[in-house]
Each structure stands twice: as structure tokens, then as C-alpha cells.
Amino acid sequence: MKKVILFLTIGFFWYSLGWAQQNDSKKEAIFEVQKVDSTAIVNQFGMNLTPLLVQLIPLNRGTTRTGPYGFSYNRVNAKNKFFRLGLGVLINDEDLNNSHLNLRIGGGKIRKISEKWHLTTGWDFVIFGGSFNVPSSNEDDDGGIGFGPFMGLQYYLTKDISLSTESFLFMGTTVNTPVTFRVIPPVSLFVNINFVATPKKRFRNRNRSIQNMEEDSKPFIERN
């Protein structure tokens, strides 16, 4: 049964990636600022809301898993491609078995489904210690390394604030399992905020830094 679920999941990933590529004919920048200025960069910072929701919604808090990452960062260019990082850390002094450290680095592409909905696809390289902090985690997870594809959805509340969730297919090795395939379900809900870096701001900051370096390199007498 597990093998059937795995094959169905892999097929779903590949079908979704193929569908996204077929429907990506325009290749037009998603964010309005990038349509006006193709050199603009969108920096997207995200925070996992699931731990807060667990406290507000009456659930079985003792067994609730909130996902592998607490914070995320995406750097999106005008071609809708992005580089991203994710970090999740939990240290439980009373029960080290419930502690974990998760790190990801990867990239992908954003596809526009509608004005409010965006589809994200790509690949991540992952290192983890402890567990992935999801319902399917077990005590045999001690740590591992691997890679795999991801697929997620974003819903924009405003032009700069969005909610997102995603699923990830881990392919790699763990301390106790030489080769493993594992589906990381979309248990995390992130809130994301966009900050735009336009060329004027970037070059202004760069020129200011150069001027400061030149000023610092002058002899003390010349500066006065």
C-alpha cells in the first residue's frame, strides 16, 4: 500500500510540473513592479503560523506536528524564478527526542493561476537532524540528507501579503535507513511578506557604501 501511495505521489508531482510548464507560455513577470522594471527583485520573508494556530485552536497539542520549517526566504526575479532558504529549529531540554533541526536550500518557479492564486514548483536540497516534525515522523528519524521536488500554493490577501503551504517529496538517506522516499505533507501554513528591491535603492545603497569606504581610506588630515 505504501508503494502505491509513493508511486501515485511521484506521478502527481510530475503531472503537476508538466501542467505548469504547458500553461506558462507568456512568461510574464507576476509582480507589477517587475513588469515596469525587469531588474527589480522581490524579497519574500515567511513565518510558520501553525504553532500559533495550534495554541488558538483546541487540538491534541501533545502530538501535533507543525512542520519542518519555522522561517523561509524567497528571492524572486522578473522571470518568476526564485532562490529560497528554509530553517526550523526546536530544542526541547526535557525531551531531546522531540528536538529537531531542519535546513533547506533550493529554487523553483512561480506560476500564476489567477490574480490571487500562485503555484510554486521546484527542487530542494535538505539536511535534517531529529525529524521533519510532521505526523509521519518517527523515532527512527535521527537525521538525514537528501533532495526532492516540492509543490505549493500561495493565496494573496494583498499585493504584498500572502498565505502559503506546500508538499515535498524527500529522496535520500537517514541514519537508520540507507535509501528512503518520504512524502512531507502540507501541515504548515506560512504568512509571507514581500519587500521590493528596486535598482535605484540597490545602486543608492551600493554607491553610499563605496563612498563610505573611500572616505574611510582617506588620511585623517584630508577628512578634516
Protein backbone atom coordinates (compact mmCIF):
# COMPACT_ATOMS: atom_id res chain seq x y z
CA MET A 1 0.00 0.00 0.00
CA LYS A 2 2.82 2.39 0.86
CA LYS A 3 4.46 1.73 -2.52
CA VAL A 4 1.21 2.52 -4.32
CA ILE A 5 0.88 5.81 -2.44
CA LEU A 6 4.51 6.65 -3.24
CA PHE A 7 4.10 5.99 -6.97
CA LEU A 8 0.86 7.96 -7.07
CA THR A 9 2.55 10.88 -5.31
CA ILE A 10 5.52 10.87 -7.70
CA GLY A 11 3.13 10.73 -10.66
CA PHE A 12 1.15 13.62 -9.21
CA PHE A 13 4.31 15.71 -8.85
CA TRP A 14 5.44 15.09 -12.43
CA TYR A 15 1.97 15.69 -13.84
CA SER A 16 1.71 18.98 -11.96
CA LEU A 17 5.15 20.11 -13.13
CA GLY A 18 4.25 19.27 -16.73
CA TRP A 19 0.91 21.05 -16.46
CA ALA A 20 2.61 24.15 -15.08
CA GLN A 21 5.13 24.25 -17.93
CA GLN A 22 2.40 23.89 -20.58
CA ASN A 23 0.46 26.76 -19.05
CA ASP A 24 3.50 29.04 -18.74
CA SER A 25 3.52 30.37 -22.30
CA LYS A 26 3.53 34.11 -21.57
CA LYS A 27 6.48 34.08 -19.16
CA GLU A 28 5.39 37.49 -17.92
CA ALA A 29 6.56 38.82 -14.58
CA ILE A 30 3.96 38.14 -11.89
CA PHE A 31 4.64 41.17 -9.69
CA GLU A 32 3.59 44.57 -11.06
CA VAL A 33 6.85 46.25 -10.09
CA GLN A 34 8.76 43.72 -12.20
CA LYS A 35 6.54 44.40 -15.20
CA VAL A 36 7.59 48.04 -15.02
CA ASP A 37 11.23 47.37 -14.12
CA SER A 38 12.61 43.97 -15.11
CA THR A 39 15.63 44.38 -12.81
CA ALA A 40 13.54 44.65 -9.64
CA ILE A 41 13.92 41.85 -7.08
CA VAL A 42 11.17 40.70 -4.72
CA ASN A 43 12.40 39.51 -1.33
CA GLN A 44 9.79 37.36 0.36
CA PHE A 45 10.03 36.56 4.07
CA GLY A 46 7.77 33.91 5.59
CA MET A 47 6.89 32.67 9.07
CA ASN A 48 5.11 29.43 10.03
CA LEU A 49 1.76 30.25 11.62
CA THR A 50 0.92 26.66 12.56
CA PRO A 51 2.45 26.78 16.10
CA LEU A 52 0.28 29.83 16.85
CA LEU A 53 -2.84 28.23 15.36
CA VAL A 54 -2.25 25.12 17.48
CA GLN A 55 -2.41 27.29 20.60
CA LEU A 56 -5.60 29.04 19.48
CA ILE A 57 -7.48 26.02 18.12
CA PRO A 58 -8.28 23.18 20.56
CA LEU A 59 -6.27 20.24 19.25
CA ASN A 60 -4.27 17.41 20.79
CA ARG A 61 -1.22 19.60 21.38
CA GLY A 62 0.90 16.76 22.70
CA THR A 63 1.02 15.04 19.30
CA THR A 64 0.53 17.96 16.93
CA ARG A 65 3.39 18.42 14.46
CA THR A 66 3.77 21.88 12.93
CA GLY A 67 6.13 21.16 10.02
CA PRO A 68 9.90 21.17 9.48
CA TYR A 69 10.47 24.91 8.98
CA GLY A 70 9.70 27.96 11.05
CA PHE A 71 11.10 30.62 8.72
CA SER A 72 11.56 30.90 4.97
CA TYR A 73 13.11 33.32 2.48
CA ASN A 74 12.49 33.57 -1.27
CA ARG A 75 14.32 35.84 -3.71
CA VAL A 76 12.23 36.24 -6.86
CA ASN A 77 13.40 37.77 -10.16
CA ALA A 78 11.36 39.13 -13.07
CA LYS A 79 11.39 35.74 -14.82
CA ASN A 80 9.38 34.35 -11.90
CA LYS A 81 12.30 32.17 -10.82
CA PHE A 82 13.36 32.15 -7.21
CA PHE A 83 16.11 31.06 -4.85
CA ARG A 84 14.99 30.05 -1.38
CA LEU A 85 16.09 29.07 2.11
CA GLY A 86 14.22 27.48 4.99
CA LEU A 87 15.15 26.94 8.63
CA GLY A 88 13.44 25.18 11.51
CA VAL A 89 14.89 24.70 14.99
CA LEU A 90 13.30 23.23 18.11
CA ILE A 91 15.33 22.35 21.20
CA ASN A 92 13.46 20.57 23.98
CA ASP A 93 15.66 20.24 27.07
CA GLU A 94 13.18 17.94 28.77
CA ASP A 95 12.79 15.55 25.82
CA LEU A 96 15.58 15.61 23.24
CA ASN A 97 13.65 13.13 21.09
CA ASN A 98 11.24 15.95 20.27
CA SER A 99 14.06 18.28 19.20
CA HIS A 100 14.87 18.88 15.56
CA LEU A 101 16.93 20.98 13.16
CA ASN A 102 15.86 21.32 9.53
CA LEU A 103 17.62 23.25 6.77
CA ARG A 104 16.74 23.54 3.10
CA ILE A 105 18.20 25.37 0.11
CA GLY A 106 16.67 25.28 -3.32
CA GLY A 107 14.99 27.05 -6.16
CA GLY A 108 12.00 26.96 -8.42
CA LYS A 109 9.46 28.92 -10.36
CA ILE A 110 6.17 30.68 -9.68
CA ARG A 111 3.19 30.20 -11.98
CA LYS A 112 0.19 32.47 -11.93
CA ILE A 113 -3.11 30.59 -11.70
CA SER A 114 -5.17 33.74 -11.09
CA GLU A 115 -4.73 37.19 -9.56
CA LYS A 116 -4.94 35.70 -6.07
CA TRP A 117 -3.56 32.18 -6.55
CA HIS A 118 0.02 31.26 -7.44
CA LEU A 119 1.56 27.81 -7.92
CA THR A 120 5.17 27.22 -6.82
CA THR A 121 7.27 24.28 -8.01
CA GLY A 122 10.94 23.41 -7.76
CA TRP A 123 13.62 21.35 -6.03
CA ASP A 124 15.23 21.48 -2.58
CA PHE A 125 18.39 20.11 -1.02
CA VAL A 126 17.65 19.16 2.59
CA ILE A 127 19.62 18.39 5.75
CA PHE A 128 17.77 17.48 8.94
CA GLY A 129 18.51 16.29 12.43
CA GLY A 130 15.90 14.79 14.74
CA SER A 131 12.87 14.60 12.47
CA PHE A 132 10.84 16.50 9.88
CA ASN A 133 8.35 17.42 12.63
CA VAL A 134 5.36 16.10 10.67
CA PRO A 135 2.71 13.50 11.62
CA SER A 136 4.58 10.74 9.75
CA SER A 137 7.80 11.34 11.72
CA ASN A 138 9.01 8.51 13.93
CA GLU A 139 11.71 7.87 16.50
CA ASP A 140 13.95 6.26 13.88
CA ASP A 141 14.44 9.56 12.03
CA ASP A 142 17.60 10.71 13.95
CA GLY A 143 18.83 12.71 10.93
CA GLY A 144 19.48 12.57 7.23
CA ILE A 145 20.32 14.27 3.95
CA GLY A 146 18.60 14.30 0.57
CA PHE A 147 16.76 16.23 -2.09
CA GLY A 148 13.44 16.25 -3.92
CA PRO A 149 10.71 18.22 -5.69
CA PHE A 150 8.19 20.45 -3.97
CA MET A 151 4.87 21.93 -4.99
CA GLY A 152 2.91 24.61 -3.16
CA LEU A 153 0.09 27.11 -3.34
CA GLN A 154 0.07 30.79 -2.40
CA TYR A 155 -3.00 32.92 -1.81
CA TYR A 156 -2.53 36.70 -1.80
CA LEU A 157 -4.50 38.63 0.80
CA THR A 158 -2.99 41.88 -0.51
CA LYS A 159 -0.38 42.59 -3.18
CA ASP A 160 2.41 42.11 -0.62
CA ILE A 161 0.97 39.66 1.93
CA SER A 162 0.15 36.03 1.18
CA LEU A 163 -0.58 32.68 2.82
CA SER A 164 1.12 29.53 1.53
CA THR A 165 1.51 25.80 2.07
CA GLU A 166 3.33 23.06 0.18
CA SER A 167 4.23 19.39 -0.04
CA PHE A 168 7.69 17.90 -0.52
CA LEU A 169 8.94 14.52 -1.72
CA PHE A 170 12.12 13.60 0.19
CA MET A 171 14.55 11.24 -1.54
CA GLY A 172 17.71 10.48 0.38
CA THR A 173 19.26 8.68 3.30
CA THR A 174 18.74 8.78 7.06
CA VAL A 175 20.80 7.50 9.97
CA ASN A 176 18.85 4.25 10.14
CA THR A 177 17.67 3.91 6.51
CA PRO A 178 20.23 3.87 3.65
CA VAL A 179 17.66 4.78 0.97
CA THR A 180 14.26 6.25 1.70
CA PHE A 181 11.42 8.04 -0.03
CA ARG A 182 9.07 10.08 2.09
CA VAL A 183 6.23 12.48 1.42
CA ILE A 184 6.22 15.59 3.62
CA PRO A 185 2.56 16.67 3.72
CA PRO A 186 1.39 20.30 3.75
CA VAL A 187 0.99 20.65 7.51
CA SER A 188 2.50 24.17 7.72
CA LEU A 189 0.70 27.41 6.96
CA PHE A 190 3.03 30.33 6.25
CA VAL A 191 2.34 34.04 6.16
CA ASN A 192 4.63 35.81 3.68
CA ILE A 193 5.51 39.47 3.25
CA ASN A 194 7.09 40.87 0.07
CA PHE A 195 9.73 43.61 0.06
CA VAL A 196 10.79 45.04 -3.31
CA ALA A 197 14.40 46.00 -4.03
CA THR A 198 14.41 48.38 -6.99
CA PRO A 199 17.60 49.30 -8.87
CA LYS A 200 17.54 52.85 -7.52
CA LYS A 201 17.57 51.62 -3.94
CA ARG A 202 20.18 48.96 -4.62
CA PHE A 203 22.52 51.29 -6.50
CA ARG A 204 21.98 54.09 -4.00
CA ASN A 205 22.99 51.79 -1.14
CA ARG A 206 25.93 50.46 -3.18
CA ASN A 207 27.19 53.96 -4.04
CA ARG A 208 26.77 55.01 -0.43
CA SER A 209 28.87 52.04 0.70
CA ILE A 210 31.56 52.85 -1.87
CA GLN A 211 31.64 56.48 -0.74
CA ASN A 212 31.96 55.42 2.89
CA MET A 213 34.83 53.06 2.01
CA GLU A 214 36.60 55.83 0.07
CA GLU A 215 36.07 58.24 2.94
CA ASP A 216 37.44 55.77 5.47
CA SER A 217 40.50 55.15 3.32
CA LYS A 218 41.50 58.83 3.28
CA PRO A 219 44.11 60.06 5.76
CA PHE A 220 42.70 61.65 8.89
CA ILE A 221 44.06 65.11 7.90
CA GLU A 222 42.30 65.06 4.50
CA ARG A 223 39.00 64.07 6.05
CA ASN A 224 39.11 67.17 8.19
